[in-house]
Amino acid sequence: MPKMKTSRSAAKRFKVTGTGKLKRNKAYKRHILTKKSAKTKRNLRKPAMTDATNVKNMKKILPYLK
């Protein structure tokens, strides 16, 4: 059986935590920041965990992520 390929775009966007959960960065922080409040921008800095409904698909496209 040939080796499975990792989705490189997903590999750059997701990291695995010590407990095996997938960590991601939040969206909406790239541009049009003037109309967003300081509180909103501050909260967008913090990483978030991938939702449980998406984990199965993420593990499929990241087969070698521990």
N, C-alpha and C. Protein backbone atom coordinates (compact mmCIF):
# COMPACT_ATOMS: atom_id res chain seq x y z
N MET A 1 0.85 -1.19 0.00
CA MET A 1 0.00 0.00 0.00
C MET A 1 0.89 1.25 0.00
N PRO A 2 0.63 2.22 -0.88
CA PRO A 2 1.46 3.42 -0.90
C PRO A 2 1.23 4.29 0.33
N LYS A 3 2.19 5.15 0.56
CA LYS A 3 2.07 6.07 1.68
C LYS A 3 0.93 7.06 1.42
N MET A 4 0.25 7.45 2.49
CA MET A 4 -0.82 8.44 2.35
C MET A 4 -0.22 9.83 2.32
N LYS A 5 -0.84 10.71 1.58
CA LYS A 5 -0.34 12.08 1.49
C LYS A 5 -1.04 12.98 2.49
N THR A 6 -0.25 13.83 3.12
CA THR A 6 -0.77 14.84 4.04
C THR A 6 -1.20 16.05 3.24
N SER A 7 -2.32 16.63 3.59
CA SER A 7 -2.74 17.90 3.01
C SER A 7 -1.83 18.98 3.57
N ARG A 8 -0.96 19.55 2.74
CA ARG A 8 0.04 20.50 3.22
C ARG A 8 -0.61 21.78 3.74
N SER A 9 -1.71 22.18 3.12
CA SER A 9 -2.38 23.40 3.59
C SER A 9 -2.92 23.20 5.01
N ALA A 10 -3.46 22.03 5.29
CA ALA A 10 -3.97 21.74 6.63
C ALA A 10 -2.82 21.58 7.63
N ALA A 11 -1.72 21.01 7.19
CA ALA A 11 -0.58 20.79 8.08
C ALA A 11 -0.02 22.12 8.58
N LYS A 12 -0.11 23.16 7.76
CA LYS A 12 0.39 24.48 8.15
C LYS A 12 -0.58 25.21 9.08
N ARG A 13 -1.83 24.81 9.08
CA ARG A 13 -2.85 25.53 9.85
C ARG A 13 -3.18 24.90 11.19
N PHE A 14 -2.89 23.63 11.37
CA PHE A 14 -3.29 22.92 12.58
C PHE A 14 -2.10 22.32 13.29
N LYS A 15 -2.13 22.39 14.61
CA LYS A 15 -1.11 21.75 15.45
C LYS A 15 -1.84 20.84 16.43
N VAL A 16 -1.14 19.84 16.91
CA VAL A 16 -1.74 18.91 17.85
C VAL A 16 -1.27 19.26 19.26
N THR A 17 -2.18 19.23 20.23
CA THR A 17 -1.82 19.51 21.62
C THR A 17 -1.33 18.23 22.28
N GLY A 18 -0.88 18.36 23.50
CA GLY A 18 -0.38 17.19 24.23
C GLY A 18 -1.44 16.13 24.46
N THR A 19 -2.70 16.57 24.56
CA THR A 19 -3.78 15.61 24.79
C THR A 19 -4.38 15.07 23.49
N GLY A 20 -3.84 15.52 22.34
CA GLY A 20 -4.30 15.00 21.05
C GLY A 20 -5.37 15.81 20.38
N LYS A 21 -5.73 16.97 20.96
CA LYS A 21 -6.73 17.83 20.32
C LYS A 21 -6.06 18.68 19.24
N LEU A 22 -6.86 19.14 18.29
CA LEU A 22 -6.33 19.98 17.21
C LEU A 22 -6.50 21.44 17.55
N LYS A 23 -5.40 22.19 17.47
CA LYS A 23 -5.41 23.62 17.77
C LYS A 23 -5.37 24.38 16.46
N ARG A 24 -6.14 25.47 16.39
CA ARG A 24 -6.19 26.28 15.18
C ARG A 24 -6.21 27.75 15.56
N ASN A 25 -5.88 28.61 14.59
CA ASN A 25 -5.98 30.04 14.80
C ASN A 25 -7.35 30.52 14.33
N LYS A 26 -7.81 31.62 14.89
CA LYS A 26 -9.13 32.14 14.54
C LYS A 26 -9.07 32.97 13.26
N ALA A 27 -10.20 33.05 12.58
CA ALA A 27 -10.31 33.82 11.34
C ALA A 27 -10.68 35.27 11.65
N TYR A 28 -10.77 36.08 10.62
CA TYR A 28 -11.21 37.49 10.70
C TYR A 28 -10.19 38.40 11.37
N LYS A 29 -8.91 38.09 11.27
CA LYS A 29 -7.89 38.94 11.89
C LYS A 29 -6.93 39.52 10.85
N ARG A 30 -7.22 39.39 9.56
CA ARG A 30 -6.28 39.78 8.51
C ARG A 30 -6.42 41.24 8.06
N HIS A 31 -7.64 41.67 7.82
CA HIS A 31 -7.84 43.04 7.32
C HIS A 31 -9.20 43.54 7.77
N ILE A 32 -9.50 44.80 7.44
CA ILE A 32 -10.71 45.48 7.90
C ILE A 32 -10.78 45.42 9.43
N LEU A 33 -9.69 45.84 10.06
CA LEU A 33 -9.62 45.77 11.51
C LEU A 33 -10.07 47.06 12.18
N THR A 34 -10.27 48.12 11.41
CA THR A 34 -10.61 49.41 12.01
C THR A 34 -11.99 49.40 12.63
N LYS A 35 -12.90 48.66 12.05
CA LYS A 35 -14.27 48.63 12.58
C LYS A 35 -14.47 47.59 13.68
N LYS A 36 -13.44 46.81 13.96
CA LYS A 36 -13.54 45.82 15.02
C LYS A 36 -13.02 46.43 16.32
N SER A 37 -13.69 46.10 17.40
CA SER A 37 -13.30 46.65 18.71
C SER A 37 -12.00 46.01 19.18
N ALA A 38 -11.33 46.67 20.11
CA ALA A 38 -10.09 46.15 20.68
C ALA A 38 -10.34 44.81 21.36
N LYS A 39 -11.51 44.67 22.00
CA LYS A 39 -11.85 43.42 22.67
C LYS A 39 -11.97 42.27 21.67
N THR A 40 -12.61 42.54 20.54
CA THR A 40 -12.77 41.52 19.50
C THR A 40 -11.41 41.09 18.97
N LYS A 41 -10.56 42.07 18.67
CA LYS A 41 -9.23 41.77 18.13
C LYS A 41 -8.37 41.01 19.13
N ARG A 42 -8.51 41.35 20.40
CA ARG A 42 -7.76 40.67 21.45
C ARG A 42 -8.19 39.20 21.55
N ASN A 43 -9.50 38.96 21.45
CA ASN A 43 -10.00 37.58 21.53
C ASN A 43 -9.64 36.76 20.30
N LEU A 44 -9.45 37.41 19.16
CA LEU A 44 -9.07 36.69 17.95
C LEU A 44 -7.62 36.21 17.99
N ARG A 45 -6.82 36.80 18.86
CA ARG A 45 -5.41 36.39 18.98
C ARG A 45 -5.26 35.00 19.56
N LYS A 46 -6.17 34.63 20.43
CA LYS A 46 -6.03 33.38 21.16
C LYS A 46 -6.35 32.19 20.25
N PRO A 47 -5.58 31.11 20.35
CA PRO A 47 -5.90 29.93 19.55
C PRO A 47 -7.18 29.27 20.04
N ALA A 48 -7.79 28.49 19.17
CA ALA A 48 -9.03 27.78 19.51
C ALA A 48 -8.85 26.30 19.18
N MET A 49 -9.68 25.48 19.77
CA MET A 49 -9.67 24.06 19.47
C MET A 49 -10.62 23.78 18.30
N THR A 50 -10.25 22.84 17.46
CA THR A 50 -11.10 22.45 16.35
C THR A 50 -12.35 21.78 16.90
N ASP A 51 -13.49 22.09 16.32
CA ASP A 51 -14.76 21.55 16.79
C ASP A 51 -14.79 20.03 16.61
N ALA A 52 -15.47 19.37 17.51
CA ALA A 52 -15.52 17.90 17.50
C ALA A 52 -16.15 17.35 16.22
N THR A 53 -17.04 18.12 15.59
CA THR A 53 -17.68 17.64 14.36
C THR A 53 -16.71 17.60 13.18
N ASN A 54 -15.61 18.35 13.26
CA ASN A 54 -14.64 18.40 12.16
C ASN A 54 -13.42 17.52 12.39
N VAL A 55 -13.26 16.99 13.58
CA VAL A 55 -12.03 16.27 13.92
C VAL A 55 -11.84 15.04 13.05
N LYS A 56 -12.89 14.32 12.76
CA LYS A 56 -12.79 13.09 11.96
C LYS A 56 -12.22 13.40 10.57
N ASN A 57 -12.73 14.47 9.94
CA ASN A 57 -12.23 14.85 8.62
C ASN A 57 -10.79 15.35 8.70
N MET A 58 -10.46 16.07 9.75
CA MET A 58 -9.11 16.60 9.89
C MET A 58 -8.09 15.47 10.07
N LYS A 59 -8.43 14.46 10.83
CA LYS A 59 -7.53 13.33 11.02
C LYS A 59 -7.31 12.58 9.70
N LYS A 60 -8.32 12.61 8.83
CA LYS A 60 -8.20 11.93 7.55
C LYS A 60 -7.22 12.64 6.62
N ILE A 61 -7.25 13.99 6.61
CA ILE A 61 -6.35 14.71 5.73
C ILE A 61 -4.99 14.97 6.37
N LEU A 62 -4.86 14.65 7.67
CA LEU A 62 -3.57 14.75 8.37
C LEU A 62 -3.23 13.38 8.97
N PRO A 63 -2.93 12.38 8.13
CA PRO A 63 -2.80 11.02 8.63
C PRO A 63 -1.62 10.80 9.57
N TYR A 64 -0.56 11.59 9.44
CA TYR A 64 0.63 11.36 10.27
C TYR A 64 0.75 12.32 11.44
N LEU A 65 -0.28 13.09 11.67
CA LEU A 65 -0.30 13.98 12.82
C LEU A 65 -0.57 13.14 14.06
N LYS A 66 0.31 13.19 15.02
CA LYS A 66 0.15 12.32 16.20
C LYS A 66 -0.92 12.81 17.13
